[in-house]
Protein backbone atom coordinates (compact mmCIF):
# COMPACT_ATOMS: atom_id res chain seq x y z
CA UNK A 1 -12.30 -13.17 15.34
CA UNK A 2 -11.24 -14.00 11.80
CA UNK A 3 -11.37 -17.52 10.42
CA UNK A 4 -9.10 -18.98 7.74
CA UNK A 5 -11.48 -21.83 6.92
CA UNK A 6 -13.70 -20.09 4.40
CA UNK A 7 -11.16 -18.60 1.98
CA UNK A 8 -11.99 -18.95 -1.71
CA UNK A 9 -10.39 -17.67 -4.92
CA UNK A 10 -12.31 -15.21 -7.06
CA UNK A 11 -11.90 -14.08 -10.68
CA UNK A 12 -10.18 -10.76 -11.26
CA UNK A 13 -12.61 -7.96 -12.19
CA UNK A 14 -13.78 -4.60 -10.99
CA UNK A 15 -17.49 -3.91 -11.13
CA UNK A 16 -18.45 -0.39 -10.16
CA UNK A 17 -21.82 1.21 -10.65
CA UNK A 18 -25.42 0.83 -9.56
CA UNK A 19 -27.55 -2.29 -9.27
CA UNK A 20 -29.45 -1.13 -12.35
CA UNK A 21 -26.51 -0.46 -14.62
CA UNK A 22 -23.02 -1.67 -13.74
CA UNK A 23 -19.94 -0.11 -15.25
CA UNK A 24 -17.37 -2.87 -15.79
CA UNK A 25 -13.69 -2.11 -15.62
CA UNK A 26 -10.77 -4.49 -15.83
CA UNK A 27 -8.75 -4.76 -12.63
CA UNK A 28 -5.04 -4.37 -13.40
CA UNK A 29 -3.40 -6.36 -10.65
CA UNK A 30 0.37 -6.15 -10.37
CA UNK A 31 0.81 -8.91 -7.83
CA UNK A 32 4.31 -9.48 -6.51
CA UNK A 33 6.20 -12.60 -5.73
CA UNK A 34 9.33 -10.92 -4.48
CA UNK A 35 10.92 -7.61 -3.61
CA UNK A 36 12.07 -4.94 -6.02
CA UNK A 37 15.48 -4.40 -7.51
CA UNK A 38 17.82 -1.44 -7.98
CA UNK A 39 20.12 0.46 -5.66
CA UNK A 40 18.83 1.93 -2.42
CA UNK A 41 17.26 5.39 -2.68
CA UNK A 42 17.30 8.15 -0.06
CA UNK A 43 14.47 10.68 -0.08
CA UNK A 44 14.54 13.94 1.83
CA UNK A 45 11.53 15.90 3.07
CA UNK A 46 10.52 18.56 5.58
CA UNK A 47 6.98 17.13 5.76
CA UNK A 48 6.50 15.85 9.29
CA UNK A 49 4.68 12.72 10.46
CA UNK A 50 2.15 13.14 13.26
CA UNK A 51 1.15 9.50 13.89
CA UNK A 52 1.22 6.30 11.82
CA UNK A 53 -2.25 5.22 12.92
CA UNK A 54 -4.66 6.01 10.04
CA UNK A 55 -7.39 6.88 12.54
CA UNK A 56 -5.28 9.60 14.17
CA UNK A 57 -3.87 11.69 11.34
CA UNK A 58 -5.14 13.49 8.28
CA UNK A 59 -2.03 15.25 7.02
CA UNK A 60 0.23 14.87 4.03
CA UNK A 61 3.35 13.87 5.96
CA UNK A 62 1.65 10.96 7.70
CA UNK A 63 -0.28 9.87 4.61
CA UNK A 64 2.98 9.81 2.65
CA UNK A 65 4.09 6.97 4.94
CA UNK A 66 0.70 5.23 4.92
CA UNK A 67 0.67 5.11 1.12
CA UNK A 68 3.82 3.01 1.18
CA UNK A 69 3.03 0.55 3.96
CA UNK A 70 -0.72 -0.03 4.25
CA UNK A 71 -2.92 -1.86 1.76
CA UNK A 72 -6.08 -0.31 0.31
CA UNK A 73 -9.17 -1.90 -1.17
CA UNK A 74 -8.98 0.56 -4.06
CA UNK A 75 -5.99 2.53 -5.30
CA UNK A 76 -4.80 4.67 -8.19
CA UNK A 77 -2.24 3.12 -10.55
CA UNK A 78 0.70 5.24 -11.65
CA UNK A 79 -0.26 7.96 -14.09
CA UNK A 80 -3.99 7.92 -13.35
CA UNK A 81 -6.45 9.62 -10.98
CA UNK A 82 -8.96 6.78 -11.40
CA UNK A 83 -9.26 4.06 -8.77
CA UNK A 84 -8.87 0.35 -9.46
CA UNK A 85 -8.83 -2.66 -7.13
CA UNK A 86 -5.71 -2.87 -4.98
CA UNK A 87 -5.94 -5.85 -2.60
CA UNK A 88 -9.48 -6.36 -3.89
CA UNK A 89 -10.39 -8.58 -6.83
CA UNK A 90 -13.63 -6.80 -7.52
CA UNK A 91 -15.90 -4.12 -6.13
CA UNK A 92 -19.49 -3.46 -7.12
CA UNK A 93 -22.81 -2.03 -6.05
CA UNK A 94 -24.87 -5.14 -5.29
CA UNK A 95 -27.78 -2.90 -4.22
CA UNK A 96 -28.26 0.88 -4.39
CA UNK A 97 -26.86 1.25 -0.86
CA UNK A 98 -24.61 -1.84 -0.75
CA UNK A 99 -21.04 -1.74 -2.04
CA UNK A 100 -19.53 -5.23 -1.98
CA UNK A 101 -15.79 -5.85 -2.18
CA UNK A 102 -14.15 -9.24 -2.76
CA UNK A 103 -10.59 -9.60 -1.47
CA UNK A 104 -7.84 -11.50 -3.20
CA UNK A 105 -7.27 -14.86 -1.46
CA UNK A 106 -4.30 -15.64 0.75
CA UNK A 107 -3.43 -12.07 1.77
CA UNK A 108 -1.09 -11.62 4.73
CA UNK A 109 0.48 -8.83 6.74
CA UNK A 110 4.27 -8.66 6.99
CA UNK A 111 4.03 -10.19 10.48
CA UNK A 112 2.41 -13.32 9.05
CA UNK A 113 -1.12 -12.58 10.24
CA UNK A 114 -3.89 -13.36 7.77
CA UNK A 115 -5.43 -10.28 6.14
CA UNK A 116 -9.13 -11.00 5.78
CA UNK A 117 -12.46 -9.23 5.57
CA UNK A 118 -12.46 -9.13 9.37
CA UNK A 119 -9.48 -6.74 9.26
CA UNK A 120 -11.29 -4.59 6.71
CA UNK A 121 -14.41 -4.33 8.85
CA UNK A 122 -12.24 -3.62 11.89
CA UNK A 123 -10.37 -0.84 10.05
CA UNK A 124 -13.49 1.10 9.09
CA UNK A 125 -15.37 0.41 12.34
CA UNK A 126 -12.51 1.85 14.39
CA UNK A 127 -12.27 4.94 12.17
CA UNK A 128 -15.90 5.72 13.00
CA UNK A 129 -15.61 4.73 16.66
CA UNK A 130 -12.45 6.69 17.41
CA UNK A 131 -13.47 9.69 15.25
CA UNK A 132 -10.26 11.46 16.22
CA UNK A 133 -10.32 15.24 15.78
CA UNK A 134 -7.16 15.01 13.66
CA UNK A 135 -8.31 11.91 11.79
CA UNK A 136 -10.11 11.38 8.45
CA UNK A 137 -13.34 9.83 9.74
CA UNK A 138 -15.34 12.76 8.28
CA UNK A 139 -14.74 11.21 4.85
CA UNK A 140 -16.92 8.27 5.91
CA UNK A 141 -20.01 10.44 6.30
CA UNK A 142 -22.06 8.13 4.06
CA UNK A 143 -20.97 4.85 5.67
CA UNK A 144 -23.68 3.26 7.81
CA UNK A 145 -22.16 -0.16 8.59
CA UNK A 146 -19.65 -2.78 7.45
CA UNK A 147 -20.24 -6.55 7.34
CA UNK A 148 -17.82 -9.42 6.75
CA UNK A 149 -19.96 -12.45 5.82
CA UNK A 150 -16.93 -14.54 4.95
CA UNK A 151 -13.15 -14.17 4.89
CA UNK A 152 -12.97 -12.54 1.45
CA UNK A 153 -16.23 -10.59 1.28
CA UNK A 154 -16.90 -7.13 2.69
CA UNK A 155 -20.27 -5.39 2.40
CA UNK A 156 -20.43 -1.63 2.98
CA UNK A 157 -23.95 -0.38 3.69
CA UNK A 158 -24.28 3.29 2.78
CA UNK A 159 -26.75 5.84 4.11
CA UNK A 160 -27.72 7.19 0.70
CA UNK A 161 -27.96 5.55 -2.71
CA UNK A 162 -25.72 5.90 -5.73
CA UNK A 163 -22.65 7.29 -3.98
CA UNK A 164 -20.41 8.67 -6.73
CA UNK A 165 -17.29 9.04 -4.59
CA UNK A 166 -17.27 6.06 -2.22
CA UNK A 167 -14.83 4.00 -4.36
CA UNK A 168 -12.45 6.98 -4.27
CA UNK A 169 -12.86 7.31 -0.51
CA UNK A 170 -11.66 3.70 -0.17
CA UNK A 171 -8.33 4.94 -1.60
CA UNK A 172 -8.19 7.99 0.68
CA UNK A 173 -6.67 8.54 4.17
CA UNK A 174 -9.80 6.87 5.58
CA UNK A 175 -9.03 3.73 3.59
CA UNK A 176 -5.85 2.02 4.91
CA UNK A 177 -6.49 -1.55 6.08
CA UNK A 178 -4.90 -2.30 9.46
CA UNK A 179 -4.18 -5.48 11.38
CA UNK A 180 -6.84 -6.10 14.04
CA UNK A 181 -4.32 -8.19 15.98
CA UNK A 182 -2.01 -5.15 16.40
CA UNK A 183 -4.26 -2.08 16.43
CA UNK A 184 -6.57 -1.11 19.29
CA UNK A 185 -10.27 -0.99 18.43
CA UNK A 186 -11.13 2.14 20.38
CA UNK A 187 -7.99 4.27 20.70
CA UNK A 188 -5.00 5.43 18.69
CA UNK A 189 -2.23 2.83 18.50
CA UNK A 190 1.31 4.10 19.06
CA UNK A 191 3.90 4.24 16.30
CA UNK A 192 6.10 1.84 18.28
CA UNK A 193 3.36 -0.77 18.55
CA UNK A 194 2.68 -0.54 14.81
CA UNK A 195 6.33 -0.80 13.78
CA UNK A 196 7.17 -3.52 16.32
CA UNK A 197 4.04 -5.40 15.25
CA UNK A 198 5.07 -5.27 11.55
CA UNK A 199 1.45 -4.40 10.75
CA UNK A 200 2.15 -3.64 7.09
CA UNK A 201 0.90 -5.07 3.80
CA UNK A 202 1.54 -2.33 1.23
CA UNK A 203 4.41 -2.12 -1.27
CA UNK A 204 6.83 -1.59 1.62
CA UNK A 205 7.28 -2.43 5.26
CA UNK A 206 9.13 -0.27 7.80
CA UNK A 207 12.33 -1.82 9.08
CA UNK A 208 13.58 1.08 11.19
CA UNK A 209 11.68 4.06 12.58
CA UNK A 210 13.20 7.16 14.16
CA UNK A 211 10.31 9.62 14.49
CA UNK A 212 10.69 12.56 12.09
CA UNK A 213 14.37 11.79 11.69
CA UNK A 214 14.76 8.67 9.54
CA UNK A 215 12.48 5.89 8.29
CA UNK A 216 13.92 2.82 6.56
CA UNK A 217 11.71 0.76 4.24
CA UNK A 218 12.13 -2.52 2.40
CA UNK A 219 9.90 -3.96 -0.30
CA UNK A 220 7.21 -6.28 1.03
CA UNK A 221 7.08 -9.49 -1.01
CA UNK A 222 3.50 -10.25 0.07
CA UNK A 223 1.97 -7.19 -1.59
CA UNK A 224 -0.46 -8.26 -4.33
CA UNK A 225 -1.86 -4.91 -5.38
CA UNK A 226 -2.27 -2.72 -8.44
CA UNK A 227 1.05 -0.89 -7.97
CA UNK A 228 3.11 -4.04 -8.52
CA UNK A 229 6.65 -4.78 -7.42
CA UNK A 230 8.60 -1.70 -6.27
CA UNK A 231 11.44 -0.78 -8.60
CA UNK A 232 13.70 -0.23 -5.61
CA UNK A 233 14.01 -2.71 -2.75
CA UNK A 234 15.35 -0.36 -0.07
CA UNK A 235 14.20 3.21 0.50
CA UNK A 236 15.32 5.55 3.27
CA UNK A 237 13.45 8.77 4.06
CA UNK A 238 15.33 11.52 5.89
CA UNK A 239 13.38 14.29 7.64
CA UNK A 240 14.71 17.85 7.71
CA UNK A 241 13.89 20.65 10.10
CA UNK A 242 15.18 23.26 7.64
CA UNK A 243 14.53 23.32 3.88
CA UNK A 244 17.90 24.99 3.28
CA UNK A 245 19.63 21.82 4.50
CA UNK A 246 17.35 19.77 2.25
CA UNK A 247 18.46 21.89 -0.71
CA UNK A 248 22.12 21.54 0.25
CA UNK A 249 21.91 17.74 0.46
CA UNK A 250 20.16 17.27 -2.89
CA UNK A 251 22.57 19.55 -4.75
CA UNK A 252 25.57 17.86 -3.12
CA UNK A 253 24.27 14.39 -3.97
CA UNK A 254 23.84 13.33 -0.34
CA UNK A 255 20.25 12.31 -1.06
CA UNK A 256 18.60 11.12 -4.28
CA UNK A 257 15.22 12.87 -4.11
CA UNK A 258 13.94 16.04 -2.42
CA UNK A 259 10.16 16.16 -2.18
CA UNK A 260 8.23 18.67 -0.03
CA UNK A 261 9.13 21.32 0.56
CA UNK A 262 11.80 23.45 -1.02
CA UNK A 263 11.30 27.18 -1.32
CA UNK A 264 10.38 28.72 -4.65
CA UNK A 265 13.79 30.45 -4.69
CA UNK A 266 15.56 27.13 -4.06
CA UNK A 267 13.64 25.41 -6.85
CA UNK A 268 14.47 28.23 -9.25
CA UNK A 269 18.14 28.01 -8.29
CA UNK A 270 18.27 24.21 -8.61
CA UNK A 271 16.67 24.32 -12.05
CA UNK A 272 19.95 25.77 -13.38
CA UNK A 273 22.08 23.08 -11.69
CA UNK A 274 23.11 20.31 -14.11
CA UNK A 275 23.72 17.89 -11.22
CA UNK A 276 20.00 17.58 -10.48
CA UNK A 277 16.63 17.40 -12.28
CA UNK A 278 13.56 19.45 -11.32
CA UNK A 279 10.40 17.45 -12.06
CA UNK A 280 6.93 19.02 -12.05
CA UNK A 281 3.57 17.29 -11.78
CA UNK A 282 -0.08 18.36 -11.73
CA UNK A 283 -1.00 20.13 -8.53
CA UNK A 284 -4.07 19.97 -6.37
CA UNK A 285 -2.44 21.65 -3.37
CA UNK A 286 -4.21 24.69 -1.96
CA UNK A 287 -3.37 27.13 0.84
CA UNK A 288 -5.98 28.98 2.87
CA UNK A 289 -6.90 30.71 6.13
CA UNK A 290 -9.43 29.12 8.50
CA UNK A 291 -11.61 31.10 10.91
CA UNK A 292 -12.75 29.55 14.17
CA UNK A 293 -16.40 30.63 14.43
CA UNK A 294 -16.26 30.40 18.24
CA UNK A 295 -13.07 32.34 18.93
CA UNK A 296 -12.50 34.74 16.01
CA UNK A 297 -13.31 38.42 16.64
CA UNK A 298 -17.01 38.56 17.52
CA UNK A 299 -17.12 34.74 17.50
CA UNK A 300 -19.89 32.79 19.23
CA UNK A 301 -17.92 32.22 22.45
CA UNK A 302 -16.32 35.63 22.75
CA UNK A 303 -17.66 38.31 25.17
CA UNK A 304 -18.68 40.50 22.19
CA UNK A 305 -20.33 37.67 20.20
CA UNK A 306 -22.12 38.98 17.13
CA UNK A 307 -22.47 36.84 13.96
CA UNK A 308 -23.01 39.84 11.67
CA UNK A 309 -19.86 41.55 12.93
CA UNK A 310 -17.91 38.28 12.76
CA UNK A 311 -18.89 37.90 9.10
CA UNK A 312 -17.91 41.52 8.42
CA UNK A 313 -14.45 40.78 9.84
CA UNK A 314 -14.03 37.76 7.57
CA UNK A 315 -15.20 39.76 4.57
CA UNK A 316 -12.78 42.57 5.38
CA UNK A 317 -9.86 40.09 5.45
CA UNK A 318 -10.98 38.79 2.05
CA UNK A 319 -11.21 42.36 0.72
CA UNK A 320 -7.72 43.32 1.86
CA UNK A 321 -5.57 40.27 0.99
CA UNK A 322 -3.75 40.54 -2.34
CA UNK A 323 -3.26 36.98 -3.64
CA UNK A 324 -1.29 38.01 -6.71
CA UNK A 325 1.27 39.72 -4.50
CA UNK A 326 1.57 36.56 -2.40
CA UNK A 327 1.99 34.34 -5.47
CA UNK A 328 4.59 36.53 -7.14
CA UNK A 329 6.53 38.03 -4.25
CA UNK A 330 6.72 34.95 -2.04
CA UNK A 331 6.41 32.02 -4.42
CA UNK A 332 7.86 33.37 -7.69
CA UNK A 333 4.60 32.35 -9.39
CA UNK A 334 5.09 28.66 -8.62
CA UNK A 335 1.68 29.17 -6.95
CA UNK A 336 -1.26 30.93 -8.58
CA UNK A 337 -4.07 32.95 -6.94
CA UNK A 338 -7.08 30.88 -5.88
CA UNK A 339 -10.51 32.48 -5.72
CA UNK A 340 -12.72 29.59 -4.74
CA UNK A 341 -12.81 26.32 -2.82
CA UNK A 342 -12.28 23.86 -5.67
CA UNK A 343 -8.96 24.43 -7.48
CA UNK A 344 -8.82 25.23 -11.16
CA UNK A 345 -8.57 22.17 -13.39
CA UNK A 346 -11.20 20.11 -11.60
CA UNK A 347 -14.74 19.77 -12.90
CA UNK A 348 -17.01 22.29 -11.20
CA UNK A 349 -14.28 24.75 -10.20
CA UNK A 350 -15.43 28.38 -10.08
CA UNK A 351 -13.99 31.74 -8.99
CA UNK A 352 -16.84 32.48 -6.61
CA UNK A 353 -14.90 34.88 -4.38
CA UNK A 354 -13.53 37.10 -7.15
CA UNK A 355 -16.66 39.20 -7.82
CA UNK A 356 -17.67 39.30 -4.15
CA UNK A 357 -14.52 40.62 -2.48
CA UNK A 358 -11.76 43.12 -3.07
CA UNK A 359 -11.94 45.10 -6.30
CA UNK A 360 -14.11 42.47 -8.01
CA UNK A 361 -11.27 41.38 -10.26
CA UNK A 362 -8.96 39.58 -7.86
CA UNK A 363 -7.22 42.60 -6.36
CA UNK A 364 -7.49 44.16 -2.92
CA UNK A 365 -9.85 47.02 -2.00
CA UNK A 366 -9.28 48.60 1.41
CA UNK A 367 -12.08 51.14 1.01
CA UNK A 368 -14.61 48.36 0.40
CA UNK A 369 -13.41 46.57 3.53
CA UNK A 370 -13.71 49.79 5.53
CA UNK A 371 -17.25 50.39 4.28
CA UNK A 372 -18.34 46.83 5.14
CA UNK A 373 -16.95 47.11 8.67
CA UNK A 374 -18.56 50.50 9.21
CA UNK A 375 -21.92 49.19 8.02
CA UNK A 376 -21.70 46.32 10.50
CA UNK A 377 -20.74 48.64 13.39
CA UNK A 378 -17.25 47.17 13.83
CA UNK A 379 -14.69 49.37 15.57
CA UNK A 380 -11.26 49.46 13.94
CA UNK A 381 -8.51 48.51 14.18
CA UNK A 382 -9.56 44.92 14.82
CA UNK A 383 -7.22 42.80 16.92
CA UNK A 384 -6.74 39.55 14.99
CA UNK A 385 -4.69 36.61 16.28
CA UNK A 386 -3.33 34.73 13.28
CA UNK A 387 -1.36 31.47 13.59
CA UNK A 388 0.80 29.76 10.99
CA UNK A 389 3.06 26.74 10.80
CA UNK A 390 6.80 26.75 10.15
CA UNK A 391 7.61 23.15 9.23
CA UNK A 392 4.67 21.57 7.39
CA UNK A 393 3.69 23.88 4.54
CA UNK A 394 7.16 24.76 3.37
CA UNK A 395 9.72 27.48 4.10
CA UNK A 396 7.66 30.08 2.24
CA UNK A 397 5.08 30.09 5.03
CA UNK A 398 6.99 32.60 7.12
CA UNK A 399 7.27 35.06 4.23
CA UNK A 400 3.68 34.35 3.16
CA UNK A 401 2.20 35.15 6.55
CA UNK A 402 4.54 38.09 7.15
CA UNK A 403 3.17 39.56 3.93
CA UNK A 404 -0.44 38.80 4.91
CA UNK A 405 0.17 40.54 8.25
CA UNK A 406 1.66 43.52 6.42
CA UNK A 407 -1.30 43.71 4.02
CA UNK A 408 -3.81 43.62 6.89
CA UNK A 409 -1.91 45.98 9.19
CA UNK A 410 -1.19 48.46 6.39
CA UNK A 411 -4.89 48.75 5.69
CA UNK A 412 -5.32 50.43 9.06
CA UNK A 413 -8.25 48.10 9.74
CA UNK A 414 -6.37 45.35 11.58
CA UNK A 415 -3.71 44.87 14.21
CA UNK A 416 -2.44 41.35 13.61
CA UNK A 417 -0.79 39.25 16.32
CA UNK A 418 1.13 36.75 14.18
CA UNK A 419 2.44 33.61 15.88
CA UNK A 420 3.93 30.31 14.67
CA UNK A 421 3.95 26.76 16.03
CA UNK A 422 5.59 23.52 14.84
CA UNK A 423 3.15 21.18 13.16
CA UNK A 424 2.97 18.30 15.64
CA UNK A 425 1.77 20.72 18.33
CA UNK A 426 -0.10 22.86 15.81
CA UNK A 427 -2.32 19.95 14.75
CA UNK A 428 -3.37 19.47 18.37
CA UNK A 429 -3.90 23.14 19.19
CA UNK A 430 -6.02 24.07 16.20
CA UNK A 431 -8.74 21.49 17.04
CA UNK A 432 -8.72 22.65 20.68
CA UNK A 433 -9.93 26.14 19.69
CA UNK A 434 -6.51 27.65 20.41
CA UNK A 435 -6.36 29.69 17.21
CA UNK A 436 -9.01 32.29 16.20
CA UNK A 437 -7.64 32.30 12.63
CA UNK A 438 -4.95 30.06 11.23
CA UNK A 439 -3.12 28.67 8.23
CA UNK A 440 -3.92 25.34 6.63
CA UNK A 441 -3.00 23.70 3.36
CA UNK A 442 -4.70 20.84 1.58
CA UNK A 443 -3.25 17.97 -0.40
CA UNK A 444 -6.11 16.08 -2.05
CA UNK A 445 -7.04 12.53 -1.19
CA UNK A 446 -8.60 11.90 -4.61
CA UNK A 447 -9.06 13.86 -7.83
CA UNK A 448 -12.62 15.08 -7.46
CA UNK A 449 -14.20 18.36 -6.35
CA UNK A 450 -15.91 16.46 -3.53
CA UNK A 451 -12.57 16.18 -1.74
CA UNK A 452 -12.42 19.96 -1.41
CA UNK A 453 -16.00 20.20 -0.12
CA UNK A 454 -16.97 17.25 2.09
CA UNK A 455 -13.99 17.32 4.51
CA UNK A 456 -14.27 21.10 4.89
CA UNK A 457 -17.92 22.00 4.87
CA UNK A 458 -20.07 18.96 5.69
CA UNK A 459 -21.04 19.71 9.29
CA UNK A 460 -24.21 17.78 10.14
CA UNK A 461 -25.80 18.69 13.46
CA UNK A 462 -23.72 17.48 16.37
CA UNK A 463 -20.65 16.73 14.27
CA UNK A 464 -17.69 18.67 12.97
CA UNK A 465 -15.79 18.61 9.69
CA UNK A 466 -12.04 18.14 9.52
CA UNK A 467 -11.63 21.88 10.01
CA UNK A 468 -13.26 21.75 13.47
CA UNK A 469 -14.10 25.42 12.96
CA UNK A 470 -17.72 25.28 14.26
CA UNK A 471 -19.08 26.45 10.91
CA UNK A 472 -22.64 25.23 10.40
CA UNK A 473 -24.88 25.75 7.36
CA UNK A 474 -27.61 23.10 6.85
CA UNK A 475 -28.14 24.28 3.26
CA UNK A 476 -24.49 23.54 2.48
CA UNK A 477 -24.75 20.15 4.22
CA UNK A 478 -27.69 19.24 1.98
CA UNK A 479 -25.94 20.37 -1.18
CA UNK A 480 -22.72 18.51 -0.34
CA UNK A 481 -24.64 15.30 0.28
CA UNK A 482 -26.71 15.76 -2.86
CA UNK A 483 -23.74 16.24 -5.20
CA UNK A 484 -22.12 13.07 -3.90
CA UNK A 485 -25.04 10.92 -5.09
CA UNK A 486 -25.92 12.76 -8.32
CA UNK A 487 -24.97 10.61 -11.30
CA UNK A 488 -25.80 13.09 -14.07
CA UNK A 489 -22.49 14.96 -14.73
CA UNK A 490 -24.09 18.30 -15.66
CA UNK A 491 -26.42 18.27 -12.66
CA UNK A 492 -23.59 17.34 -10.32
CA UNK A 493 -21.38 20.11 -11.72
CA UNK A 494 -24.16 22.64 -11.13
CA UNK A 495 -24.45 21.52 -7.50
CA UNK A 496 -20.68 21.80 -6.98
CA UNK A 497 -20.78 25.34 -8.37
CA UNK A 498 -23.72 26.25 -6.12
CA UNK A 499 -21.88 24.95 -3.04
CA UNK A 500 -18.91 27.22 -3.79
CA UNK A 501 -21.18 30.23 -4.31
CA UNK A 502 -23.00 29.56 -1.03
CA UNK A 503 -19.86 29.00 1.03
CA UNK A 504 -18.27 32.09 -0.51
CA UNK A 505 -21.00 34.14 1.16
CA UNK A 506 -20.21 32.62 4.58
CA UNK A 507 -16.39 32.67 4.28
CA UNK A 508 -15.49 29.95 6.81
CA UNK A 509 -12.14 29.85 5.03
CA UNK A 510 -10.36 32.20 2.66
CA UNK A 511 -8.68 30.35 -0.23
CA UNK A 512 -5.36 31.93 -1.14
CA UNK A 513 -3.16 29.94 -3.51
CA UNK A 514 -2.97 26.82 -5.67
CA UNK A 515 0.34 25.04 -6.31
CA UNK A 516 1.97 22.27 -8.33
CA UNK A 517 3.87 19.16 -7.21
CA UNK A 518 7.65 19.55 -7.51
CA UNK A 519 10.43 17.06 -6.84
CA UNK A 520 14.18 17.51 -7.30
CA UNK A 521 16.22 14.38 -8.01
CA UNK A 522 19.68 13.20 -8.91
CA UNK A 523 20.31 12.84 -12.63
CA UNK A 524 20.22 9.02 -12.52
CA UNK A 525 16.87 8.78 -10.73
CA UNK A 526 13.96 7.61 -12.88
CA UNK A 527 10.23 7.15 -12.34
CA UNK A 528 9.55 10.53 -10.71
CA UNK A 529 7.12 11.64 -13.41
CA UNK A 530 5.24 8.35 -13.04
CA UNK A 531 4.31 9.09 -9.45
CA UNK A 532 3.92 12.88 -9.73
CA UNK A 533 0.53 12.24 -11.26
CA UNK A 534 -3.06 13.36 -10.78
CA UNK A 535 -3.55 10.87 -7.94
CA UNK A 536 -1.48 13.32 -5.86
CA UNK A 537 0.17 10.38 -4.08
CA UNK A 538 3.97 10.13 -4.05
CA UNK A 539 4.67 6.39 -4.21
CA UNK A 540 8.27 5.36 -3.59
CA UNK A 541 7.85 2.13 -5.55
CA UNK A 542 7.96 4.03 -8.86
CA UNK A 543 11.48 5.34 -8.22
CA UNK A 544 14.77 3.77 -9.31
CA UNK A 545 18.31 4.94 -9.91
CA UNK A 546 21.40 3.85 -11.74
């Protein structure tokens, strides 16, 4: 149980680095003493929430809510991808495997409960204990234990020294701090219990919650973090089943902001409408196909199991898909072709797949696919079950996967059974081995190549990555762990490149496209560019109107 008797004030500083050489950064606290100002704002989205419990979801729609209402030890200020203390005063490596965080004194949740180091320890312990298949616990691969020696001190003991990404992970979906007096220690806590318990301490608290219909927020006066006082006191978020209705409401002025996901055609059309503004930001979003190594054709648990044939099938898909056609025909070039696992623009990004598959220059090559299948003894056409989602990755998904099906079927090498499922059910089915091959997208948790490698491909023996695809390669595991603790930039970049080359040979996923962040707003809305930044987190507190 937490104790309030040992609280003490600490000086404001961020210390991040090793015990040998500490890099000192100034912590830019924007502590609040009251709520924000400005007229209420209504935001529209098609991005669905799965659950509000940080241990039970690892998707953009849920994290969009978590970013508003939960506190983090570290966070990214507007306009920056670099983490700074949020509810922490300082954070430093006090030993090569000890990362010590000092909390600001007097923190409270919106329900009045004290927010202490005990809540922090509880939050990370339950992530690891619950290890939900749809949760982000895989990000905590290097966390060995958490201690709370007093009310404002937290000590993270790490498995390996010199972790280059752990401060960023504290700002990720694995990092929200929850109230131990509201959340269960060993199971997912329901949305109702969280909302009724007012277990919030971020910029906002939820005042009304109608699941995937409407969420009402108000600024939380007790937030003392780096993001400061929200510019708008009241924010309402309306959820849409159909992007066409989202477009209609933003162009008619019924909502103030439309964010995720309008179609490329809708965005192009709205860009000529003088009643709205189209705002673009840097994009780390990627789209890709995942193969389940147990249930794909010739997968490990199929009657015809054969790893060589299974790999030949994956390679043939990579040979046949034409990314440029997808980008141009479906997305009007608002997405660009992606030929590796780390998107372009991040340090270490390569195009590892381009020379290996298709025509060697990014295009398709059916004859190459046919030759590879013949060499492996695969009988064609191959029956491939391919699943996609209709309501989470935008309205273009239907056209995208219809075109992928057409490309594969037209090759004469595949007969594709294409099916779709709504995301709430989809997120459950995909981790239950229901889909041999399926669509996913990725919205980064932090601006580092590691975030496109660790959650996907770190599969130590007996554990599964976020993908839950049963892909195992010990060499990749070793490389992923090594890059995360390599402090020399050139050496780390070389490791990141080697990981992409190695995974490209295995093809557990096929990267397809990379996209930008786009929001459409009313003409009087300000602050959109501030939050469409390289943190890839859409924070409502930056927005104002009138």
